[in-house]
Amino acid sequence: MAENKTSIGNSAYIEWMDSETLRYSDGEFSALVWVDYETGFFSAERIIRSSSIEEWEKMPEGCSGEIEPLYKEAIIKGVQRYFELQSRTCRVE
């Protein structure tokens, strides 16, 4: 996919990696997030699969790869903000 970064506030941004994967980046950290379409032929709503947010894709040397719950919540809020900016609905599962 073409590079398509969308700022979601401060230093954080979202970019699509493929049709079901977003990269959330903030500073030196990034995580991949699986998103899915809601069922239904004409549904445009997306589902954020929170279970996919477990480990950092990229992080500074010496940091733990595990995403702590507070960071996970920030990532989810960032992805929700992204869809809000795109005038799309989403839910977390």
C-alpha atoms as a PDB file:
ATOM      1  CA  MET A   1       0.000   0.000   0.000  1.00  0.00           C
ATOM      2  CA  ALA A   2       1.102   3.565  -0.551  1.00  0.00           C
ATOM      3  CA  GLU A   3       2.519   5.382   2.431  1.00  0.00           C
ATOM      4  CA  ASN A   4      -0.397   7.137   4.072  1.00  0.00           C
ATOM      5  CA  LYS A   5       0.349   8.587   7.504  1.00  0.00           C
ATOM      6  CA  THR A   6      -2.377  10.374   9.437  1.00  0.00           C
ATOM      7  CA  SER A   7      -1.494  12.442  12.485  1.00  0.00           C
ATOM      8  CA  ILE A   8      -3.748  11.705  15.448  1.00  0.00           C
ATOM      9  CA  GLY A   9      -2.265  14.252  17.838  1.00  0.00           C
ATOM     10  CA  ASN A  10       1.083  15.215  19.346  1.00  0.00           C
ATOM     11  CA  SER A  11       3.717  12.904  17.847  1.00  0.00           C
ATOM     12  CA  ALA A  12       1.415   9.927  17.191  1.00  0.00           C
ATOM     13  CA  TYR A  13       0.254   8.827  13.780  1.00  0.00           C
ATOM     14  CA  ILE A  14      -1.507   5.950  12.045  1.00  0.00           C
ATOM     15  CA  GLU A  15      -0.648   4.372   8.713  1.00  0.00           C
ATOM     16  CA  TRP A  16      -2.165   1.443   6.844  1.00  0.00           C
ATOM     17  CA  MET A  17       0.147  -1.525   6.303  1.00  0.00           C
ATOM     18  CA  ASP A  18      -2.413  -3.650   4.414  1.00  0.00           C
ATOM     19  CA  SER A  19      -6.213  -3.920   4.262  1.00  0.00           C
ATOM     20  CA  GLU A  20      -6.484  -5.225   7.847  1.00  0.00           C
ATOM     21  CA  THR A  21      -3.426  -3.864   9.634  1.00  0.00           C
ATOM     22  CA  LEU A  22      -2.683  -0.398  10.966  1.00  0.00           C
ATOM     23  CA  ARG A  23       0.627   0.750  12.399  1.00  0.00           C
ATOM     24  CA  TYR A  24       0.315   3.028  15.423  1.00  0.00           C
ATOM     25  CA  SER A  25       3.518   5.036  15.911  1.00  0.00           C
ATOM     26  CA  ASP A  26       4.486   7.458  18.644  1.00  0.00           C
ATOM     27  CA  GLY A  27       8.081   8.571  18.945  1.00  0.00           C
ATOM     28  CA  GLU A  28      10.374   5.546  18.884  1.00  0.00           C
ATOM     29  CA  PHE A  29       7.528   3.098  19.541  1.00  0.00           C
ATOM     30  CA  SER A  30       5.236   1.426  17.018  1.00  0.00           C
ATOM     31  CA  ALA A  31       2.703  -1.380  17.197  1.00  0.00           C
ATOM     32  CA  LEU A  32       0.649  -3.217  14.607  1.00  0.00           C
ATOM     33  CA  VAL A  33      -3.113  -3.312  15.154  1.00  0.00           C
ATOM     34  CA  TRP A  34      -5.485  -5.703  13.410  1.00  0.00           C
ATOM     35  CA  VAL A  35      -8.751  -4.135  12.291  1.00  0.00           C
ATOM     36  CA  ASP A  36     -11.599  -5.983  10.661  1.00  0.00           C
ATOM     37  CA  TYR A  37     -14.822  -5.037   8.908  1.00  0.00           C
ATOM     38  CA  GLU A  38     -18.097  -5.470  10.723  1.00  0.00           C
ATOM     39  CA  THR A  39     -20.162  -8.221   9.129  1.00  0.00           C
ATOM     40  CA  GLY A  40     -22.694  -7.189   6.551  1.00  0.00           C
ATOM     41  CA  PHE A  41     -22.396  -6.498   2.862  1.00  0.00           C
ATOM     42  CA  PHE A  42     -22.691  -2.712   3.127  1.00  0.00           C
ATOM     43  CA  SER A  43     -21.152  -2.237   6.570  1.00  0.00           C
ATOM     44  CA  ALA A  44     -18.306   0.284   6.771  1.00  0.00           C
ATOM     45  CA  GLU A  45     -17.845  -0.048  10.538  1.00  0.00           C
ATOM     46  CA  ARG A  46     -14.467  -1.366  11.631  1.00  0.00           C
ATOM     47  CA  ILE A  47     -13.597  -3.595  14.573  1.00  0.00           C
ATOM     48  CA  ILE A  48     -10.379  -2.933  16.477  1.00  0.00           C
ATOM     49  CA  ARG A  49      -9.036  -6.300  17.596  1.00  0.00           C
ATOM     50  CA  SER A  50      -7.538  -5.386  20.974  1.00  0.00           C
ATOM     51  CA  SER A  51      -6.049  -8.868  21.318  1.00  0.00           C
ATOM     52  CA  SER A  52      -3.613  -7.983  18.527  1.00  0.00           C
ATOM     53  CA  ILE A  53      -2.017  -5.256  20.653  1.00  0.00           C
ATOM     54  CA  GLU A  54       0.398  -7.265  22.773  1.00  0.00           C
ATOM     55  CA  GLU A  55       3.968  -6.410  21.746  1.00  0.00           C
ATOM     56  CA  TRP A  56       5.767  -3.422  20.281  1.00  0.00           C
ATOM     57  CA  GLU A  57       6.798  -3.800  16.671  1.00  0.00           C
ATOM     58  CA  LYS A  58       9.584  -1.234  17.188  1.00  0.00           C
ATOM     59  CA  MET A  59      10.931   0.225  20.429  1.00  0.00           C
ATOM     60  CA  PRO A  60      14.099   1.806  21.807  1.00  0.00           C
ATOM     61  CA  GLU A  61      16.878  -0.598  22.724  1.00  0.00           C
ATOM     62  CA  GLY A  62      16.591  -1.912  26.268  1.00  0.00           C
ATOM     63  CA  CYS A  63      12.799  -1.536  26.501  1.00  0.00           C
ATOM     64  CA  SER A  64      10.477  -4.432  27.178  1.00  0.00           C
ATOM     65  CA  GLY A  65       8.629  -5.640  24.090  1.00  0.00           C
ATOM     66  CA  GLU A  66       5.405  -6.135  26.005  1.00  0.00           C
ATOM     67  CA  ILE A  67       2.799  -3.383  25.713  1.00  0.00           C
ATOM     68  CA  GLU A  68       1.590  -2.414  29.167  1.00  0.00           C
ATOM     69  CA  PRO A  69      -2.159  -1.904  29.725  1.00  0.00           C
ATOM     70  CA  LEU A  70      -1.954   1.920  29.884  1.00  0.00           C
ATOM     71  CA  TYR A  71      -0.113   2.039  26.556  1.00  0.00           C
ATOM     72  CA  LYS A  72      -2.549  -0.440  25.049  1.00  0.00           C
ATOM     73  CA  GLU A  73      -5.426   1.825  26.043  1.00  0.00           C
ATOM     74  CA  ALA A  74      -3.609   4.817  24.482  1.00  0.00           C
ATOM     75  CA  ILE A  75      -3.131   2.862  21.250  1.00  0.00           C
ATOM     76  CA  ILE A  76      -6.828   1.928  21.151  1.00  0.00           C
ATOM     77  CA  LYS A  77      -7.836   5.540  21.765  1.00  0.00           C
ATOM     78  CA  GLY A  78      -5.448   6.623  19.009  1.00  0.00           C
ATOM     79  CA  VAL A  79      -6.978   4.193  16.525  1.00  0.00           C
ATOM     80  CA  GLN A  80     -10.473   5.315  17.551  1.00  0.00           C
ATOM     81  CA  ARG A  81      -9.358   8.921  16.989  1.00  0.00           C
ATOM     82  CA  TYR A  82      -8.083   7.960  13.540  1.00  0.00           C
ATOM     83  CA  PHE A  83     -11.456   6.507  12.530  1.00  0.00           C
ATOM     84  CA  GLU A  84     -13.221   9.542  14.011  1.00  0.00           C
ATOM     85  CA  LEU A  85     -11.059  11.809  11.829  1.00  0.00           C
ATOM     86  CA  GLN A  86     -12.043   9.666   8.826  1.00  0.00           C
ATOM     87  CA  SER A  87     -15.761  10.019   9.753  1.00  0.00           C
ATOM     88  CA  ARG A  88     -15.983   6.251  10.216  1.00  0.00           C
ATOM     89  CA  THR A  89     -17.362   4.247  13.102  1.00  0.00           C
ATOM     90  CA  CYS A  90     -15.497   1.546  14.965  1.00  0.00           C
ATOM     91  CA  ARG A  91     -15.795  -0.589  18.026  1.00  0.00           C
ATOM     92  CA  VAL A  92     -13.304  -2.457  20.180  1.00  0.00           C
ATOM     93  CA  GLU A  93     -13.430  -6.179  20.581  1.00  0.00           C
END
